[in-house]
């Protein structure tokens, strides 16, 4: 399963959050979708207070790479 298009347009945490939730909708089984939705929400809460722009971009890049891996799994 290919990742969603326009991943390169994700520039901030809210766009990343929406992108990842849209990826979750494309997963084949409901229990898998629920698991990854929960993981996305938890990660968003953990990193909500991050204010270093460099670190935010690192997190966005890694999250998109991880989403690509999950979608291709």
PDB file of N, CA and C in Angstrom:
ATOM      1  N   UNK A   1       0.849  -1.174   0.000  1.00  0.00           N
ATOM      2  CA  UNK A   1       0.000   0.000   0.000  1.00  0.00           C
ATOM      3  C   UNK A   1       0.892   1.233   0.000  1.00  0.00           C
ATOM      4  N   UNK A   2       0.687   2.097  -0.922  1.00  0.00           N
ATOM      5  CA  UNK A   2       1.513   3.300  -1.047  1.00  0.00           C
ATOM      6  C   UNK A   2       1.096   4.348  -0.018  1.00  0.00           C
ATOM      7  N   UNK A   3       2.048   5.149   0.434  1.00  0.00           N
ATOM      8  CA  UNK A   3       1.700   6.236   1.351  1.00  0.00           C
ATOM      9  C   UNK A   3       0.855   7.282   0.645  1.00  0.00           C
ATOM     10  N   UNK A   4       0.249   8.119   1.421  1.00  0.00           N
ATOM     11  CA  UNK A   4      -0.565   9.177   0.835  1.00  0.00           C
ATOM     12  C   UNK A   4       0.314  10.162   0.078  1.00  0.00           C
ATOM     13  N   UNK A   5      -0.211  10.737  -0.978  1.00  0.00           N
ATOM     14  CA  UNK A   5       0.567  11.752  -1.707  1.00  0.00           C
ATOM     15  C   UNK A   5       0.714  13.025  -0.875  1.00  0.00           C
ATOM     16  N   UNK A   6       1.628  13.841  -1.255  1.00  0.00           N
ATOM     17  CA  UNK A   6       1.860  15.156  -0.655  1.00  0.00           C
ATOM     18  C   UNK A   6       2.461  15.105   0.744  1.00  0.00           C
ATOM     19  N   UNK A   7       3.127  14.026   1.097  1.00  0.00           N
ATOM     20  CA  UNK A   7       3.796  13.956   2.401  1.00  0.00           C
ATOM     21  C   UNK A   7       4.840  15.064   2.520  1.00  0.00           C
ATOM     22  N   UNK A   8       5.411  15.435   1.391  1.00  0.00           N
ATOM     23  CA  UNK A   8       6.440  16.479   1.422  1.00  0.00           C
ATOM     24  C   UNK A   8       5.872  17.856   1.769  1.00  0.00           C
ATOM     25  N   UNK A   9       4.551  18.005   1.735  1.00  0.00           N
ATOM     26  CA  UNK A   9       3.925  19.281   2.068  1.00  0.00           C
ATOM     27  C   UNK A   9       3.675  19.448   3.568  1.00  0.00           C
ATOM     28  N   UNK A  10       3.886  18.393   4.344  1.00  0.00           N
ATOM     29  CA  UNK A  10       3.669  18.465   5.788  1.00  0.00           C
ATOM     30  C   UNK A  10       4.754  19.346   6.394  1.00  0.00           C
ATOM     31  N   UNK A  11       4.335  20.460   6.994  1.00  0.00           N
ATOM     32  CA  UNK A  11       5.287  21.426   7.535  1.00  0.00           C
ATOM     33  C   UNK A  11       5.149  21.653   9.034  1.00  0.00           C
ATOM     34  N   UNK A  12       4.008  21.312   9.612  1.00  0.00           N
ATOM     35  CA  UNK A  12       3.844  21.544  11.047  1.00  0.00           C
ATOM     36  C   UNK A  12       3.160  20.353  11.705  1.00  0.00           C
ATOM     37  N   UNK A  13       3.062  20.406  13.015  1.00  0.00           N
ATOM     38  CA  UNK A  13       2.570  19.252  13.764  1.00  0.00           C
ATOM     39  C   UNK A  13       1.105  18.934  13.466  1.00  0.00           C
ATOM     40  N   UNK A  14       0.289  19.936  13.273  1.00  0.00           N
ATOM     41  CA  UNK A  14      -1.119  19.675  12.969  1.00  0.00           C
ATOM     42  C   UNK A  14      -1.271  19.004  11.599  1.00  0.00           C
ATOM     43  N   UNK A  15      -0.521  19.453  10.633  1.00  0.00           N
ATOM     44  CA  UNK A  15      -0.557  18.812   9.309  1.00  0.00           C
ATOM     45  C   UNK A  15      -0.070  17.368   9.403  1.00  0.00           C
ATOM     46  N   UNK A  16       0.965  17.143  10.207  1.00  0.00           N
ATOM     47  CA  UNK A  16       1.465  15.783  10.402  1.00  0.00           C
ATOM     48  C   UNK A  16       0.400  14.913  11.047  1.00  0.00           C
ATOM     49  N   UNK A  17      -0.248  15.415  12.074  1.00  0.00           N
ATOM     50  CA  UNK A  17      -1.294  14.680  12.783  1.00  0.00           C
ATOM     51  C   UNK A  17      -2.404  14.264  11.812  1.00  0.00           C
ATOM     52  N   UNK A  18      -2.865  15.195  11.015  1.00  0.00           N
ATOM     53  CA  UNK A  18      -3.916  14.891  10.028  1.00  0.00           C
ATOM     54  C   UNK A  18      -3.435  13.885   8.989  1.00  0.00           C
ATOM     55  N   UNK A  19      -2.210  14.043   8.524  1.00  0.00           N
ATOM     56  CA  UNK A  19      -1.640  13.129   7.537  1.00  0.00           C
ATOM     57  C   UNK A  19      -1.593  11.706   8.095  1.00  0.00           C
ATOM     58  N   UNK A  20      -1.113  11.576   9.326  1.00  0.00           N
ATOM     59  CA  UNK A  20      -0.984  10.248   9.924  1.00  0.00           C
ATOM     60  C   UNK A  20      -2.352   9.604  10.165  1.00  0.00           C
ATOM     61  N   UNK A  21      -3.332  10.391  10.583  1.00  0.00           N
ATOM     62  CA  UNK A  21      -4.674   9.830  10.772  1.00  0.00           C
ATOM     63  C   UNK A  21      -5.289   9.400   9.438  1.00  0.00           C
ATOM     64  N   UNK A  22      -5.003  10.141   8.374  1.00  0.00           N
ATOM     65  CA  UNK A  22      -5.483   9.716   7.044  1.00  0.00           C
ATOM     66  C   UNK A  22      -4.804   8.420   6.612  1.00  0.00           C
ATOM     67  N   UNK A  23      -3.529   8.285   6.944  1.00  0.00           N
ATOM     68  CA  UNK A  23      -2.835   7.022   6.650  1.00  0.00           C
ATOM     69  C   UNK A  23      -3.494   5.871   7.397  1.00  0.00           C
ATOM     70  N   UNK A  24      -3.860   6.100   8.634  1.00  0.00           N
ATOM     71  CA  UNK A  24      -4.499   5.048   9.435  1.00  0.00           C
ATOM     72  C   UNK A  24      -5.800   4.572   8.792  1.00  0.00           C
ATOM     73  N   UNK A  25      -6.526   5.472   8.191  1.00  0.00           N
ATOM     74  CA  UNK A  25      -7.800   5.103   7.552  1.00  0.00           C
ATOM     75  C   UNK A  25      -7.598   4.125   6.400  1.00  0.00           C
ATOM     76  N   UNK A  26      -6.408   4.097   5.835  1.00  0.00           N
ATOM     77  CA  UNK A  26      -6.138   3.234   4.680  1.00  0.00           C
ATOM     78  C   UNK A  26      -5.638   1.854   5.071  1.00  0.00           C
ATOM     79  N   UNK A  27      -5.443   1.607   6.364  1.00  0.00           N
ATOM     80  CA  UNK A  27      -4.979   0.295   6.806  1.00  0.00           C
ATOM     81  C   UNK A  27      -6.107  -0.723   6.683  1.00  0.00           C
ATOM     82  N   UNK A  28      -5.766  -1.989   6.441  1.00  0.00           N
ATOM     83  CA  UNK A  28      -6.775  -2.977   6.061  1.00  0.00           C
ATOM     84  C   UNK A  28      -7.721  -3.443   7.171  1.00  0.00           C
ATOM     85  N   UNK A  29      -7.268  -3.571   8.403  1.00  0.00           N
ATOM     86  CA  UNK A  29      -8.112  -4.138   9.453  1.00  0.00           C
ATOM     87  C   UNK A  29      -8.400  -3.104  10.531  1.00  0.00           C
ATOM     88  N   UNK A  30      -9.607  -3.173  11.096  1.00  0.00           N
ATOM     89  CA  UNK A  30     -10.040  -2.198  12.097  1.00  0.00           C
ATOM     90  C   UNK A  30      -9.137  -2.208  13.331  1.00  0.00           C
ATOM     91  N   UNK A  31      -8.755  -3.381  13.819  1.00  0.00           N
ATOM     92  CA  UNK A  31      -7.913  -3.419  15.024  1.00  0.00           C
ATOM     93  C   UNK A  31      -6.533  -2.806  14.766  1.00  0.00           C
ATOM     94  N   UNK A  32      -6.024  -2.967  13.563  1.00  0.00           N
ATOM     95  CA  UNK A  32      -4.743  -2.333  13.207  1.00  0.00           C
ATOM     96  C   UNK A  32      -4.921  -0.818  13.123  1.00  0.00           C
ATOM     97  N   UNK A  33      -6.020  -0.376  12.516  1.00  0.00           N
ATOM     98  CA  UNK A  33      -6.300   1.070  12.435  1.00  0.00           C
ATOM     99  C   UNK A  33      -6.389   1.677  13.833  1.00  0.00           C
ATOM    100  N   UNK A  34      -7.106   1.000  14.739  1.00  0.00           N
ATOM    101  CA  UNK A  34      -7.249   1.512  16.102  1.00  0.00           C
ATOM    102  C   UNK A  34      -5.899   1.598  16.805  1.00  0.00           C
ATOM    103  N   UNK A  35      -5.077   0.583  16.628  1.00  0.00           N
ATOM    104  CA  UNK A  35      -3.758   0.570  17.261  1.00  0.00           C
ATOM    105  C   UNK A  35      -2.923   1.769  16.808  1.00  0.00           C
ATOM    106  N   UNK A  36      -2.834   1.985  15.511  1.00  0.00           N
ATOM    107  CA  UNK A  36      -2.006   3.083  15.002  1.00  0.00           C
ATOM    108  C   UNK A  36      -2.620   4.454  15.286  1.00  0.00           C
ATOM    109  N   UNK A  37      -3.950   4.575  15.275  1.00  0.00           N
ATOM    110  CA  UNK A  37      -4.585   5.845  15.669  1.00  0.00           C
ATOM    111  C   UNK A  37      -4.216   6.190  17.104  1.00  0.00           C
ATOM    112  N   UNK A  38      -4.280   5.178  17.975  1.00  0.00           N
ATOM    113  CA  UNK A  38      -3.924   5.397  19.374  1.00  0.00           C
ATOM    114  C   UNK A  38      -2.450   5.817  19.481  1.00  0.00           C
ATOM    115  N   UNK A  39      -1.576   5.145  18.755  1.00  0.00           N
ATOM    116  CA  UNK A  39      -0.154   5.476  18.783  1.00  0.00           C
ATOM    117  C   UNK A  39       0.103   6.904  18.290  1.00  0.00           C
ATOM    118  N   UNK A  40      -0.599   7.310  17.240  1.00  0.00           N
ATOM    119  CA  UNK A  40      -0.449   8.674  16.713  1.00  0.00           C
ATOM    120  C   UNK A  40      -0.876   9.688  17.763  1.00  0.00           C
ATOM    121  N   UNK A  41      -2.017   9.453  18.384  1.00  0.00           N
ATOM    122  CA  UNK A  41      -2.523  10.388  19.406  1.00  0.00           C
ATOM    123  C   UNK A  41      -1.576  10.477  20.590  1.00  0.00           C
ATOM    124  N   UNK A  42      -1.059   9.334  21.038  1.00  0.00           N
ATOM    125  CA  UNK A  42      -0.131   9.336  22.164  1.00  0.00           C
ATOM    126  C   UNK A  42       1.153  10.088  21.819  1.00  0.00           C
ATOM    127  N   UNK A  43       1.681   9.864  20.638  1.00  0.00           N
ATOM    128  CA  UNK A  43       2.906  10.561  20.229  1.00  0.00           C
ATOM    129  C   UNK A  43       2.673  12.060  20.118  1.00  0.00           C
ATOM    130  N   UNK A  44       1.503  12.439  19.622  1.00  0.00           N
ATOM    131  CA  UNK A  44       1.180  13.858  19.518  1.00  0.00           C
ATOM    132  C   UNK A  44       1.162  14.492  20.906  1.00  0.00           C
ATOM    133  N   UNK A  45       0.568  13.799  21.881  1.00  0.00           N
ATOM    134  CA  UNK A  45       0.509  14.326  23.253  1.00  0.00           C
ATOM    135  C   UNK A  45       1.902  14.418  23.866  1.00  0.00           C
ATOM    136  N   UNK A  46       2.734  13.419  23.628  1.00  0.00           N
ATOM    137  CA  UNK A  46       4.081  13.395  24.194  1.00  0.00           C
ATOM    138  C   UNK A  46       4.913  14.558  23.670  1.00  0.00           C
ATOM    139  N   UNK A  47       4.765  14.883  22.393  1.00  0.00           N
ATOM    140  CA  UNK A  47       5.583  15.931  21.773  1.00  0.00           C
ATOM    141  C   UNK A  47       4.880  17.281  21.667  1.00  0.00           C
ATOM    142  N   UNK A  48       3.743  17.431  22.320  1.00  0.00           N
ATOM    143  CA  UNK A  48       2.954  18.670  22.207  1.00  0.00           C
ATOM    144  C   UNK A  48       3.701  19.897  22.706  1.00  0.00           C
ATOM    145  N   UNK A  49       4.590  19.736  23.660  1.00  0.00           N
ATOM    146  CA  UNK A  49       5.286  20.896  24.219  1.00  0.00           C
ATOM    147  C   UNK A  49       6.639  21.171  23.553  1.00  0.00           C
ATOM    148  N   UNK A  50       6.931  20.446  22.491  1.00  0.00           N
ATOM    149  CA  UNK A  50       8.195  20.650  21.762  1.00  0.00           C
ATOM    150  C   UNK A  50       8.175  22.025  21.093  1.00  0.00           C
ATOM    151  N   UNK A  51       9.225  22.817  21.314  1.00  0.00           N
ATOM    152  CA  UNK A  51       9.247  24.151  20.726  1.00  0.00           C
ATOM    153  C   UNK A  51      10.486  24.429  19.872  1.00  0.00           C
ATOM    154  N   UNK A  52      11.382  23.484  19.770  1.00  0.00           N
ATOM    155  CA  UNK A  52      12.575  23.635  18.948  1.00  0.00           C
ATOM    156  C   UNK A  52      12.217  23.306  17.494  1.00  0.00           C
ATOM    157  N   UNK A  53      12.261  24.288  16.590  1.00  0.00           N
ATOM    158  CA  UNK A  53      11.869  24.049  15.194  1.00  0.00           C
ATOM    159  C   UNK A  53      12.676  22.947  14.506  1.00  0.00           C
ATOM    160  N   UNK A  54      13.959  22.860  14.829  1.00  0.00           N
ATOM    161  CA  UNK A  54      14.792  21.813  14.245  1.00  0.00           C
ATOM    162  C   UNK A  54      14.322  20.431  14.685  1.00  0.00           C
ATOM    163  N   UNK A  55      14.041  20.298  15.961  1.00  0.00           N
ATOM    164  CA  UNK A  55      13.572  19.017  16.518  1.00  0.00           C
ATOM    165  C   UNK A  55      12.198  18.666  15.945  1.00  0.00           C
ATOM    166  N   UNK A  56      11.334  19.644  15.774  1.00  0.00           N
ATOM    167  CA  UNK A  56      10.010  19.404  15.196  1.00  0.00           C
ATOM    168  C   UNK A  56      10.145  18.857  13.779  1.00  0.00           C
ATOM    169  N   UNK A  57      11.045  19.433  12.992  1.00  0.00           N
ATOM    170  CA  UNK A  57      11.249  18.945  11.630  1.00  0.00           C
ATOM    171  C   UNK A  57      11.810  17.524  11.629  1.00  0.00           C
ATOM    172  N   UNK A  58      12.682  17.204  12.589  1.00  0.00           N
ATOM    173  CA  UNK A  58      13.193  15.841  12.714  1.00  0.00           C
ATOM    174  C   UNK A  58      12.057  14.861  13.029  1.00  0.00           C
ATOM    175  N   UNK A  59      11.187  15.263  13.939  1.00  0.00           N
ATOM    176  CA  UNK A  59      10.058  14.410  14.325  1.00  0.00           C
ATOM    177  C   UNK A  59       9.135  14.195  13.132  1.00  0.00           C
ATOM    178  N   UNK A  60       8.855  15.260  12.380  1.00  0.00           N
ATOM    179  CA  UNK A  60       7.983  15.159  11.207  1.00  0.00           C
ATOM    180  C   UNK A  60       8.595  14.207  10.183  1.00  0.00           C
ATOM    181  N   UNK A  61       9.871  14.380   9.908  1.00  0.00           N
ATOM    182  CA  UNK A  61      10.552  13.526   8.924  1.00  0.00           C
ATOM    183  C   UNK A  61      10.500  12.068   9.345  1.00  0.00           C
ATOM    184  N   UNK A  62      10.806  11.803  10.592  1.00  0.00           N
ATOM    185  CA  UNK A  62      10.817  10.418  11.089  1.00  0.00           C
ATOM    186  C   UNK A  62       9.409   9.818  11.089  1.00  0.00           C
ATOM    187  N   UNK A  63       8.412  10.603  11.460  1.00  0.00           N
ATOM    188  CA  UNK A  63       7.034  10.103  11.496  1.00  0.00           C
ATOM    189  C   UNK A  63       6.549   9.734  10.094  1.00  0.00           C
ATOM    190  N   UNK A  64       6.905  10.528   9.103  1.00  0.00           N
ATOM    191  CA  UNK A  64       6.507  10.223   7.722  1.00  0.00           C
ATOM    192  C   UNK A  64       7.226   8.967   7.232  1.00  0.00           C
ATOM    193  N   UNK A  65       8.511   8.837   7.558  1.00  0.00           N
ATOM    194  CA  UNK A  65       9.248   7.623   7.195  1.00  0.00           C
ATOM    195  C   UNK A  65       8.615   6.390   7.844  1.00  0.00           C
ATOM    196  N   UNK A  66       8.254   6.509   9.111  1.00  0.00           N
ATOM    197  CA  UNK A  66       7.629   5.391   9.821  1.00  0.00           C
ATOM    198  C   UNK A  66       6.267   5.059   9.218  1.00  0.00           C
ATOM    199  N   UNK A  67       5.509   6.085   8.849  1.00  0.00           N
ATOM    200  CA  UNK A  67       4.198   5.856   8.233  1.00  0.00           C
ATOM    201  C   UNK A  67       4.359   5.149   6.889  1.00  0.00           C
ATOM    202  N   UNK A  68       5.351   5.542   6.124  1.00  0.00           N
ATOM    203  CA  UNK A  68       5.622   4.875   4.853  1.00  0.00           C
ATOM    204  C   UNK A  68       5.940   3.406   5.077  1.00  0.00           C
ATOM    205  N   UNK A  69       6.747   3.123   6.096  1.00  0.00           N
ATOM    206  CA  UNK A  69       7.097   1.746   6.412  1.00  0.00           C
ATOM    207  C   UNK A  69       5.856   0.934   6.788  1.00  0.00           C
ATOM    208  N   UNK A  70       5.003   1.501   7.636  1.00  0.00           N
ATOM    209  CA  UNK A  70       3.788   0.797   8.058  1.00  0.00           C
ATOM    210  C   UNK A  70       2.877   0.555   6.864  1.00  0.00           C
ATOM    211  N   UNK A  71       2.730   1.536   6.009  1.00  0.00           N
ATOM    212  CA  UNK A  71       1.833   1.398   4.869  1.00  0.00           C
ATOM    213  C   UNK A  71       2.332   0.347   3.878  1.00  0.00           C
ATOM    214  N   UNK A  72       3.639   0.165   3.799  1.00  0.00           N
ATOM    215  CA  UNK A  72       4.219  -0.817   2.881  1.00  0.00           C
ATOM    216  C   UNK A  72       4.374  -2.200   3.499  1.00  0.00           C
ATOM    217  N   UNK A  73       4.110  -2.305   4.775  1.00  0.00           N
ATOM    218  CA  UNK A  73       4.293  -3.560   5.487  1.00  0.00           C
ATOM    219  C   UNK A  73       3.286  -4.609   5.121  1.00  0.00           C
TER     220      UNK A  73
END
